[in-house]
């Protein structure tokens, strides 16, 4: 899968890259959602600058919302219908 990866909390364009990552497997009680589109909000811009109130360990995948642009792909390790 492709993901946007944050490598530093400095707000510089070179600190953000699109990378290939393995598709995660959902654990018990989890659902894997294929995200088709995701908005960028002011909170996301603050996060990549390190100004949001918390920081994830780097490298991190920024973003807090998916909205209605996702399709269930797997539920608790089983393929979705």
Protein backbone atom coordinates (compact mmCIF):
# COMPACT_ATOMS: atom_id res chain seq x y z
CA UNK A 1 0.00 0.00 0.00
CA UNK A 2 1.07 3.60 -0.41
CA UNK A 3 1.20 5.95 2.54
CA UNK A 4 2.41 9.46 3.28
CA UNK A 5 5.25 9.17 5.76
CA UNK A 6 6.51 11.98 8.01
CA UNK A 7 10.23 11.76 8.77
CA UNK A 8 10.75 14.95 10.82
CA UNK A 9 8.53 17.47 12.62
CA UNK A 10 10.03 20.48 10.83
CA UNK A 11 7.33 21.31 8.23
CA UNK A 12 9.80 20.98 5.35
CA UNK A 13 8.53 19.34 2.14
CA UNK A 14 11.53 16.98 2.05
CA UNK A 15 10.45 15.56 5.43
CA UNK A 16 7.32 14.05 3.83
CA UNK A 17 7.39 11.22 1.29
CA UNK A 18 5.00 8.77 -0.33
CA UNK A 19 6.27 5.28 0.52
CA UNK A 20 5.26 1.67 -0.13
CA UNK A 21 4.36 -0.24 3.04
CA UNK A 22 2.98 -3.72 3.75
CA UNK A 23 -0.79 -3.87 4.17
CA UNK A 24 -1.51 -4.30 7.89
CA UNK A 25 -3.61 -7.22 9.13
CA UNK A 26 -6.46 -6.41 11.50
CA UNK A 27 -6.36 -7.94 14.95
CA UNK A 28 -9.30 -9.13 17.05
CA UNK A 29 -12.08 -6.54 17.07
CA UNK A 30 -10.40 -4.47 14.32
CA UNK A 31 -11.42 -3.63 10.74
CA UNK A 32 -9.07 -2.91 7.84
CA UNK A 33 -10.38 -0.07 5.66
CA UNK A 34 -9.05 0.74 2.19
CA UNK A 35 -8.89 4.54 2.12
CA UNK A 36 -9.80 5.96 -1.27
CA UNK A 37 -9.44 9.65 -0.33
CA UNK A 38 -8.68 11.63 2.80
CA UNK A 39 -8.93 15.35 3.53
CA UNK A 40 -6.08 17.53 4.79
CA UNK A 41 -7.19 19.71 7.69
CA UNK A 42 -5.50 22.46 9.73
CA UNK A 43 -4.87 19.88 12.48
CA UNK A 44 -2.87 17.76 9.99
CA UNK A 45 -0.73 20.77 9.03
CA UNK A 46 -0.07 21.54 12.70
CA UNK A 47 0.82 17.87 13.32
CA UNK A 48 3.50 17.73 10.60
CA UNK A 49 5.07 20.87 12.09
CA UNK A 50 5.10 19.31 15.58
CA UNK A 51 2.58 21.84 16.93
CA UNK A 52 -0.48 19.62 17.47
CA UNK A 53 -0.14 18.71 21.16
CA UNK A 54 1.33 15.24 20.76
CA UNK A 55 3.86 13.61 18.48
CA UNK A 56 3.91 10.05 17.17
CA UNK A 57 7.27 8.25 17.06
CA UNK A 58 8.99 8.87 13.71
CA UNK A 59 8.62 7.83 10.99
CA UNK A 60 4.87 8.47 11.37
CA UNK A 61 1.82 8.37 9.13
CA UNK A 62 0.03 11.74 9.55
CA UNK A 63 -3.71 12.21 9.23
CA UNK A 64 -6.69 12.04 11.53
CA UNK A 65 -9.73 11.55 9.24
CA UNK A 66 -10.99 9.24 6.50
CA UNK A 67 -14.56 10.59 6.00
CA UNK A 68 -16.79 8.47 3.72
CA UNK A 69 -14.09 7.49 1.24
CA UNK A 70 -13.23 4.04 2.55
CA UNK A 71 -14.19 0.45 1.80
CA UNK A 72 -14.03 -2.36 4.38
CA UNK A 73 -11.38 -4.81 3.22
CA UNK A 74 -11.05 -7.25 6.12
CA UNK A 75 -12.68 -7.79 9.50
CA UNK A 76 -10.70 -9.43 12.33
CA UNK A 77 -8.46 -11.25 9.84
CA UNK A 78 -11.26 -12.40 7.50
CA UNK A 79 -11.79 -11.07 3.98
CA UNK A 80 -14.72 -8.63 3.71
CA UNK A 81 -17.68 -9.67 1.57
